[in-house]
C-alpha atoms as a PDB file:
ATOM      1  CA  MET A   1     -20.601   5.278  -2.736  1.00  0.00           C
ATOM      2  CA  LYS A   2     -18.087   2.884  -4.303  1.00  0.00           C
ATOM      3  CA  LYS A   3     -14.581   4.143  -4.920  1.00  0.00           C
ATOM      4  CA  GLN A   4     -13.802   4.446  -8.613  1.00  0.00           C
ATOM      5  CA  VAL A   5     -10.310   3.358  -9.625  1.00  0.00           C
ATOM      6  CA  ALA A   6      -8.504   3.232 -12.963  1.00  0.00           C
ATOM      7  CA  VAL A   7      -5.567   0.894 -13.576  1.00  0.00           C
ATOM      8  CA  LEU A   8      -3.452   1.664 -16.638  1.00  0.00           C
ATOM      9  CA  GLY A   9      -1.453  -1.409 -17.574  1.00  0.00           C
ATOM     10  CA  LEU A  10      -2.462  -5.013 -16.918  1.00  0.00           C
ATOM     11  CA  GLY A  11       0.874  -6.698 -16.364  1.00  0.00           C
ATOM     12  CA  SER A  12       1.584  -8.728 -13.253  1.00  0.00           C
ATOM     13  CA  PHE A  13       1.307  -5.793 -10.833  1.00  0.00           C
ATOM     14  CA  GLY A  14      -1.622  -4.079 -12.545  1.00  0.00           C
ATOM     15  CA  GLY A  15      -3.479  -7.345 -13.021  1.00  0.00           C
ATOM     16  CA  HIS A  16      -3.237  -8.240  -9.343  1.00  0.00           C
ATOM     17  CA  LEU A  17      -4.450  -4.750  -8.450  1.00  0.00           C
ATOM     18  CA  VAL A  18      -7.524  -5.127 -10.641  1.00  0.00           C
ATOM     19  CA  GLU A  19      -8.310  -8.483  -9.020  1.00  0.00           C
ATOM     20  CA  GLU A  20      -7.964  -7.078  -5.498  1.00  0.00           C
ATOM     21  CA  PHE A  21     -10.014  -3.967  -6.264  1.00  0.00           C
ATOM     22  CA  HIS A  22     -12.684  -6.249  -7.702  1.00  0.00           C
ATOM     23  CA  HIS A  23     -12.696  -8.415  -4.565  1.00  0.00           C
ATOM     24  CA  ILE A  24     -13.197  -5.432  -2.251  1.00  0.00           C
ATOM     25  CA  GLY A  25     -16.021  -4.044  -4.356  1.00  0.00           C
ATOM     26  CA  ALA A  26     -14.358  -1.038  -5.994  1.00  0.00           C
ATOM     27  CA  GLU A  27     -15.403  -0.002  -9.490  1.00  0.00           C
ATOM     28  CA  VAL A  28     -12.369  -0.639 -11.705  1.00  0.00           C
ATOM     29  CA  PHE A  29     -11.628   0.749 -15.131  1.00  0.00           C
ATOM     30  CA  ALA A  30      -8.661  -0.975 -16.795  1.00  0.00           C
ATOM     31  CA  MET A  31      -6.661  -0.280 -19.932  1.00  0.00           C
ATOM     32  CA  ASP A  32      -3.878  -2.107 -21.773  1.00  0.00           C
ATOM     33  CA  ARG A  33      -2.508  -2.311 -25.298  1.00  0.00           C
ATOM     34  CA  ASP A  34      -2.404  -6.118 -25.248  1.00  0.00           C
ATOM     35  CA  PRO A  35      -5.695  -7.625 -26.508  1.00  0.00           C
ATOM     36  CA  GLU A  36      -5.048 -10.890 -24.638  1.00  0.00           C
ATOM     37  CA  LEU A  37      -4.764  -9.061 -21.310  1.00  0.00           C
ATOM     38  CA  VAL A  38      -7.871  -7.034 -22.098  1.00  0.00           C
ATOM     39  CA  ASP A  39      -9.784 -10.266 -22.743  1.00  0.00           C
ATOM     40  CA  ARG A  40      -8.411 -11.886 -19.584  1.00  0.00           C
ATOM     41  CA  PHE A  41      -9.715  -9.104 -17.338  1.00  0.00           C
ATOM     42  CA  SER A  42     -12.957  -8.391 -19.171  1.00  0.00           C
ATOM     43  CA  ASP A  43     -14.984 -10.332 -16.568  1.00  0.00           C
ATOM     44  CA  ILE A  44     -13.107  -8.871 -13.585  1.00  0.00           C
ATOM     45  CA  ALA A  45     -12.837  -5.147 -14.283  1.00  0.00           C
ATOM     46  CA  THR A  46     -16.003  -3.064 -14.325  1.00  0.00           C
ATOM     47  CA  HIS A  47     -14.915  -1.705 -17.696  1.00  0.00           C
ATOM     48  CA  VAL A  48     -11.797  -2.637 -19.673  1.00  0.00           C
ATOM     49  CA  ILE A  49     -10.574  -1.319 -23.006  1.00  0.00           C
ATOM     50  CA  ARG A  50      -7.654  -1.805 -25.347  1.00  0.00           C
ATOM     51  CA  GLY A  51      -5.676   1.401 -25.698  1.00  0.00           C
ATOM     52  CA  ASP A  52      -2.493   3.361 -25.117  1.00  0.00           C
ATOM     53  CA  ALA A  53      -2.356   5.226 -21.793  1.00  0.00           C
ATOM     54  CA  GLN A  54      -0.317   7.938 -23.526  1.00  0.00           C
ATOM     55  CA  ASP A  55      -3.318   8.786 -25.707  1.00  0.00           C
ATOM     56  CA  GLU A  56      -4.598  11.906 -23.946  1.00  0.00           C
ATOM     57  CA  GLN A  57      -7.783  12.152 -26.003  1.00  0.00           C
ATOM     58  CA  LEU A  58      -8.667   8.550 -25.232  1.00  0.00           C
ATOM     59  CA  LEU A  59      -8.172   9.164 -21.513  1.00  0.00           C
ATOM     60  CA  ILE A  60     -10.396  12.246 -21.676  1.00  0.00           C
ATOM     61  CA  GLN A  61     -12.990  10.279 -23.623  1.00  0.00           C
ATOM     62  CA  GLU A  62     -13.032   7.611 -20.910  1.00  0.00           C
ATOM     63  CA  GLY A  63     -13.556  10.249 -18.216  1.00  0.00           C
ATOM     64  CA  ILE A  64     -10.207   9.746 -16.491  1.00  0.00           C
ATOM     65  CA  ARG A  65     -10.669  13.006 -14.529  1.00  0.00           C
ATOM     66  CA  ASN A  66     -13.655  11.524 -12.724  1.00  0.00           C
ATOM     67  CA  PHE A  67     -11.808   8.651 -11.050  1.00  0.00           C
ATOM     68  CA  ASP A  68     -10.887   8.839  -7.367  1.00  0.00           C
ATOM     69  CA  LEU A  69      -7.551   7.173  -8.070  1.00  0.00           C
ATOM     70  CA  VAL A  70      -5.540   6.354 -11.193  1.00  0.00           C
ATOM     71  CA  VAL A  71      -2.711   3.805 -10.977  1.00  0.00           C
ATOM     72  CA  VAL A  72       0.008   3.763 -13.643  1.00  0.00           C
ATOM     73  CA  SER A  73       1.312   0.232 -13.292  1.00  0.00           C
ATOM     74  CA  PHE A  74       3.789  -0.220 -16.177  1.00  0.00           C
ATOM     75  CA  GLY A  75       6.915   0.826 -14.291  1.00  0.00           C
ATOM     76  CA  GLU A  76       9.307  -1.120 -16.530  1.00  0.00           C
ATOM     77  CA  ASN A  77       8.641   1.275 -19.429  1.00  0.00           C
ATOM     78  CA  ILE A  78      10.065   4.395 -17.814  1.00  0.00           C
ATOM     79  CA  GLU A  79       9.382   6.762 -20.713  1.00  0.00           C
ATOM     80  CA  ALA A  80       5.739   5.676 -21.047  1.00  0.00           C
ATOM     81  CA  SER A  81       5.292   5.858 -17.284  1.00  0.00           C
ATOM     82  CA  ILE A  82       6.617   9.425 -17.108  1.00  0.00           C
ATOM     83  CA  LEU A  83       4.644  10.665 -20.114  1.00  0.00           C
ATOM     84  CA  THR A  84       1.425   9.119 -18.813  1.00  0.00           C
ATOM     85  CA  THR A  85       1.967  10.696 -15.394  1.00  0.00           C
ATOM     86  CA  LEU A  86       2.509  14.096 -17.045  1.00  0.00           C
ATOM     87  CA  ILE A  87      -0.742  13.725 -18.965  1.00  0.00           C
ATOM     88  CA  LEU A  88      -2.673  12.765 -15.827  1.00  0.00           C
ATOM     89  CA  THR A  89      -1.154  15.704 -13.934  1.00  0.00           C
ATOM     90  CA  ASP A  90      -2.144  18.115 -16.708  1.00  0.00           C
ATOM     91  CA  LEU A  91      -5.678  16.695 -16.618  1.00  0.00           C
ATOM     92  CA  ASP A  92      -5.875  17.439 -12.869  1.00  0.00           C
ATOM     93  CA  VAL A  93      -6.500  13.828 -11.849  1.00  0.00           C
ATOM     94  CA  LYS A  94      -7.133  13.735  -8.078  1.00  0.00           C
ATOM     95  CA  GLU A  95      -4.811  10.894  -7.043  1.00  0.00           C
ATOM     96  CA  ILE A  96      -2.035   9.506  -9.242  1.00  0.00           C
ATOM     97  CA  TRP A  97      -0.152   6.441  -7.973  1.00  0.00           C
ATOM     98  CA  VAL A  98       2.696   5.225 -10.165  1.00  0.00           C
ATOM     99  CA  LYS A  99       4.867   2.132 -10.118  1.00  0.00           C
ATOM    100  CA  ALA A 100       8.591   2.952 -10.327  1.00  0.00           C
ATOM    101  CA  SER A 101      11.449   0.675 -11.288  1.00  0.00           C
ATOM    102  CA  SER A 102      14.310   2.613  -9.694  1.00  0.00           C
ATOM    103  CA  LEU A 103      15.180   5.456  -7.349  1.00  0.00           C
ATOM    104  CA  TYR A 104      15.869   7.758 -10.325  1.00  0.00           C
ATOM    105  CA  HIS A 105      12.496   6.882 -11.815  1.00  0.00           C
ATOM    106  CA  GLN A 106      10.845   7.558  -8.444  1.00  0.00           C
ATOM    107  CA  LYS A 107      12.455  11.006  -8.111  1.00  0.00           C
ATOM    108  CA  VAL A 108      11.312  12.028 -11.582  1.00  0.00           C
ATOM    109  CA  LEU A 109       7.754  10.872 -10.914  1.00  0.00           C
ATOM    110  CA  GLU A 110       7.629  12.782  -7.640  1.00  0.00           C
ATOM    111  CA  LYS A 111       8.824  15.973  -9.355  1.00  0.00           C
ATOM    112  CA  ILE A 112       6.219  15.819 -12.116  1.00  0.00           C
ATOM    113  CA  GLY A 113       3.228  15.348  -9.834  1.00  0.00           C
ATOM    114  CA  ALA A 114       2.730  11.711  -8.848  1.00  0.00           C
ATOM    115  CA  THR A 115       0.767  11.594  -5.600  1.00  0.00           C
ATOM    116  CA  ARG A 116       2.458   8.383  -4.521  1.00  0.00           C
ATOM    117  CA  VAL A 117       5.238   6.289  -6.018  1.00  0.00           C
ATOM    118  CA  ILE A 118       5.186   2.518  -5.535  1.00  0.00           C
ATOM    119  CA  ARG A 119       8.273   0.317  -5.692  1.00  0.00           C
ATOM    120  CA  PRO A 120       6.903  -3.210  -5.063  1.00  0.00           C
ATOM    121  CA  GLU A 121      10.223  -5.035  -5.207  1.00  0.00           C
ATOM    122  CA  LYS A 122      11.885  -2.622  -2.773  1.00  0.00           C
ATOM    123  CA  ASP A 123       8.912  -2.689  -0.404  1.00  0.00           C
ATOM    124  CA  MET A 124       8.784  -6.482  -0.419  1.00  0.00           C
ATOM    125  CA  ALA A 125      12.555  -6.741   0.096  1.00  0.00           C
ATOM    126  CA  LYS A 126      12.298  -4.506   3.178  1.00  0.00           C
ATOM    127  CA  ARG A 127       9.431  -6.537   4.616  1.00  0.00           C
ATOM    128  CA  ILE A 128      11.303  -9.808   4.126  1.00  0.00           C
ATOM    129  CA  ALA A 129      14.560  -8.448   5.558  1.00  0.00           C
ATOM    130  CA  HIS A 130      12.865  -7.065   8.661  1.00  0.00           C
ATOM    131  CA  ARG A 131      10.963 -10.274   9.245  1.00  0.00           C
ATOM    132  CA  ILE A 132      14.001 -12.528   8.840  1.00  0.00           C
ATOM    133  CA  THR A 133      16.187 -10.464  11.181  1.00  0.00           C
ATOM    134  CA  SER A 134      13.608 -10.197  13.974  1.00  0.00           C
ATOM    135  CA  GLU A 135      12.456 -12.801  16.446  1.00  0.00           C
ATOM    136  CA  HIS A 136       9.045 -11.225  17.008  1.00  0.00           C
ATOM    137  CA  LEU A 137       8.262  -9.155  13.924  1.00  0.00           C
ATOM    138  CA  ILE A 138       5.527 -10.683  11.747  1.00  0.00           C
ATOM    139  CA  ASP A 139       5.008  -7.904   9.207  1.00  0.00           C
ATOM    140  CA  TYR A 140       6.416  -4.493   8.364  1.00  0.00           C
ATOM    141  CA  VAL A 141       4.871  -1.662   6.323  1.00  0.00           C
ATOM    142  CA  GLU A 142       6.855   1.490   5.570  1.00  0.00           C
ATOM    143  CA  LEU A 143       4.697   4.623   5.824  1.00  0.00           C
ATOM    144  CA  THR A 144       7.394   7.253   5.242  1.00  0.00           C
ATOM    145  CA  ASP A 145      11.190   7.215   5.253  1.00  0.00           C
ATOM    146  CA  GLU A 146      11.134   7.479   9.051  1.00  0.00           C
ATOM    147  CA  HIS A 147       7.813   5.965  10.112  1.00  0.00           C
ATOM    148  CA  SER A 148       6.413   2.446   9.822  1.00  0.00           C
ATOM    149  CA  MET A 149       3.667   0.180  11.022  1.00  0.00           C
ATOM    150  CA  VAL A 150       4.621  -3.265  12.302  1.00  0.00           C
ATOM    151  CA  GLU A 151       2.863  -6.393  13.447  1.00  0.00           C
ATOM    152  CA  ILE A 152       4.631  -7.869  16.480  1.00  0.00           C
ATOM    153  CA  LYS A 153       3.893 -11.151  18.212  1.00  0.00           C
ATOM    154  CA  ALA A 154       3.200 -10.814  21.959  1.00  0.00           C
ATOM    155  CA  THR A 155       5.861 -12.572  24.021  1.00  0.00           C
ATOM    156  CA  PRO A 156       5.621 -14.081  27.547  1.00  0.00           C
ATOM    157  CA  LYS A 157       7.172 -10.846  28.807  1.00  0.00           C
ATOM    158  CA  ILE A 158       3.967  -8.869  28.173  1.00  0.00           C
ATOM    159  CA  ILE A 159       1.223 -11.535  28.169  1.00  0.00           C
ATOM    160  CA  GLY A 160      -1.306 -10.808  30.887  1.00  0.00           C
ATOM    161  CA  LYS A 161      -0.447  -7.113  31.117  1.00  0.00           C
ATOM    162  CA  THR A 162      -2.815  -4.285  30.193  1.00  0.00           C
ATOM    163  CA  LEU A 163      -1.849  -1.588  27.716  1.00  0.00           C
ATOM    164  CA  ALA A 164      -1.938   0.929  30.552  1.00  0.00           C
ATOM    165  CA  THR A 165       0.655  -1.116  32.435  1.00  0.00           C
ATOM    166  CA  LEU A 166       2.863  -1.434  29.370  1.00  0.00           C
ATOM    167  CA  ASN A 167       2.602   2.336  28.733  1.00  0.00           C
ATOM    168  CA  VAL A 168       4.264   1.891  25.342  1.00  0.00           C
ATOM    169  CA  ARG A 169       3.595   5.450  24.228  1.00  0.00           C
ATOM    170  CA  LYS A 170       5.416   7.029  27.173  1.00  0.00           C
ATOM    171  CA  ARG A 171       8.227   4.482  27.428  1.00  0.00           C
ATOM    172  CA  PHE A 172       9.010   4.024  23.739  1.00  0.00           C
ATOM    173  CA  GLY A 173       7.167   6.763  21.823  1.00  0.00           C
ATOM    174  CA  CYS A 174       5.100   4.239  19.843  1.00  0.00           C
ATOM    175  CA  ASN A 175       1.369   3.642  19.635  1.00  0.00           C
ATOM    176  CA  ILE A 176      -0.439   0.295  19.729  1.00  0.00           C
ATOM    177  CA  VAL A 177      -3.305   0.979  17.316  1.00  0.00           C
ATOM    178  CA  GLY A 178      -4.739  -2.525  17.142  1.00  0.00           C
ATOM    179  CA  ILE A 179      -4.611  -6.048  18.504  1.00  0.00           C
ATOM    180  CA  TYR A 180      -5.154  -8.993  16.175  1.00  0.00           C
ATOM    181  CA  ARG A 181      -6.673 -11.846  18.184  1.00  0.00           C
ATOM    182  CA  SER A 182      -8.162 -15.141  16.946  1.00  0.00           C
ATOM    183  CA  HIS A 183      -9.088 -13.759  13.508  1.00  0.00           C
ATOM    184  CA  ASP A 184     -10.622 -10.627  15.071  1.00  0.00           C
ATOM    185  CA  MET A 185      -9.185  -7.134  15.204  1.00  0.00           C
ATOM    186  CA  ILE A 186      -9.480  -4.887  18.251  1.00  0.00           C
ATOM    187  CA  VAL A 187      -9.258  -1.399  16.754  1.00  0.00           C
ATOM    188  CA  SER A 188      -8.106   1.517  18.937  1.00  0.00           C
ATOM    189  CA  PRO A 189      -7.654  -0.606  22.085  1.00  0.00           C
ATOM    190  CA  THR A 190      -7.942   1.111  25.472  1.00  0.00           C
ATOM    191  CA  GLY A 191      -5.644   1.009  28.476  1.00  0.00           C
ATOM    192  CA  GLU A 192      -7.843  -1.655  30.037  1.00  0.00           C
ATOM    193  CA  ASP A 193      -7.287  -4.140  27.199  1.00  0.00           C
ATOM    194  CA  LYS A 194      -5.083  -7.017  28.322  1.00  0.00           C
ATOM    195  CA  ILE A 195      -2.512  -8.778  26.131  1.00  0.00           C
ATOM    196  CA  LEU A 196      -3.317 -12.461  25.693  1.00  0.00           C
ATOM    197  CA  LYS A 197      -1.300 -15.410  24.427  1.00  0.00           C
ATOM    198  CA  ASP A 198      -0.959 -15.455  20.614  1.00  0.00           C
ATOM    199  CA  ASP A 199      -2.000 -11.791  20.287  1.00  0.00           C
ATOM    200  CA  MET A 200      -0.459  -9.759  17.481  1.00  0.00           C
ATOM    201  CA  LEU A 201       0.158  -6.085  18.251  1.00  0.00           C
ATOM    202  CA  ILE A 202      -0.237  -3.508  15.472  1.00  0.00           C
ATOM    203  CA  VAL A 203       2.225  -0.762  16.378  1.00  0.00           C
ATOM    204  CA  ILE A 204       2.952   2.534  14.614  1.00  0.00           C
ATOM    205  CA  GLY A 205       5.787   5.001  15.169  1.00  0.00           C
ATOM    206  CA  GLU A 206       9.241   6.207  14.162  1.00  0.00           C
ATOM    207  CA  ASN A 207      11.484   3.407  12.924  1.00  0.00           C
ATOM    208  CA  ARG A 208      14.145   3.876  15.622  1.00  0.00           C
ATOM    209  CA  LYS A 209      11.509   3.859  18.365  1.00  0.00           C
ATOM    210  CA  LEU A 210       9.787   0.796  16.935  1.00  0.00           C
ATOM    211  CA  HIS A 211      13.151  -0.968  16.855  1.00  0.00           C
ATOM    212  CA  ARG A 212      13.756  -0.088  20.500  1.00  0.00           C
ATOM    213  CA  PHE A 213      10.283  -1.295  21.485  1.00  0.00           C
ATOM    214  CA  GLU A 214      10.819  -4.566  19.646  1.00  0.00           C
ATOM    215  CA  LYS A 215      14.178  -5.154  21.362  1.00  0.00           C
ATOM    216  CA  GLN A 216      13.235  -4.048  24.873  1.00  0.00           C
ATOM    217  CA  GLY A 217       9.462  -3.910  25.205  1.00  0.00           C
ATOM    218  CA  VAL A 218       8.223  -7.286  24.052  1.00  0.00           C
END
């Protein structure tokens, strides 16, 4: 069964979301007040309408309660973002993800019921900073304030060794959950899997332990 997603707001962030949801086969309902944006995404979204996301009756009419996930993507308009989130919370929407423009905005959204708060600029800044300051780090995804998932390039130090030999979990407290190799992904690798040249390790764990693994383990 396809996941049903609603995106409220078709600006840069919301528009890209609709495109990506469309590409992966999700059913996407989209809404925006701008008729030009509504026209632009009419062939991409499963259903798109012109309307104000703060119109509770319109949201009810469109069956907003039935969606698996609703994304409020107009973070620049803080008042509209907060009011829309309140409406969605009152309507008992299952999952409410909201774009925030600041830490204050994020804290308010969390208090009023947002399931997840997204700060794209902050997240991207962190990813860029981590990548620039590391010799081996290819990508970085923050999961919580203290936990992350990173993609680390295998170095000559570990090439040819099995995961059992590396024993990353015991030595560093991290878990190698995947190996990206020649456009293929080895999911949940075993201790017998050997690290090859050009492998990318997908590692998850506490930030301080990941940092130690990156500095000492690879």
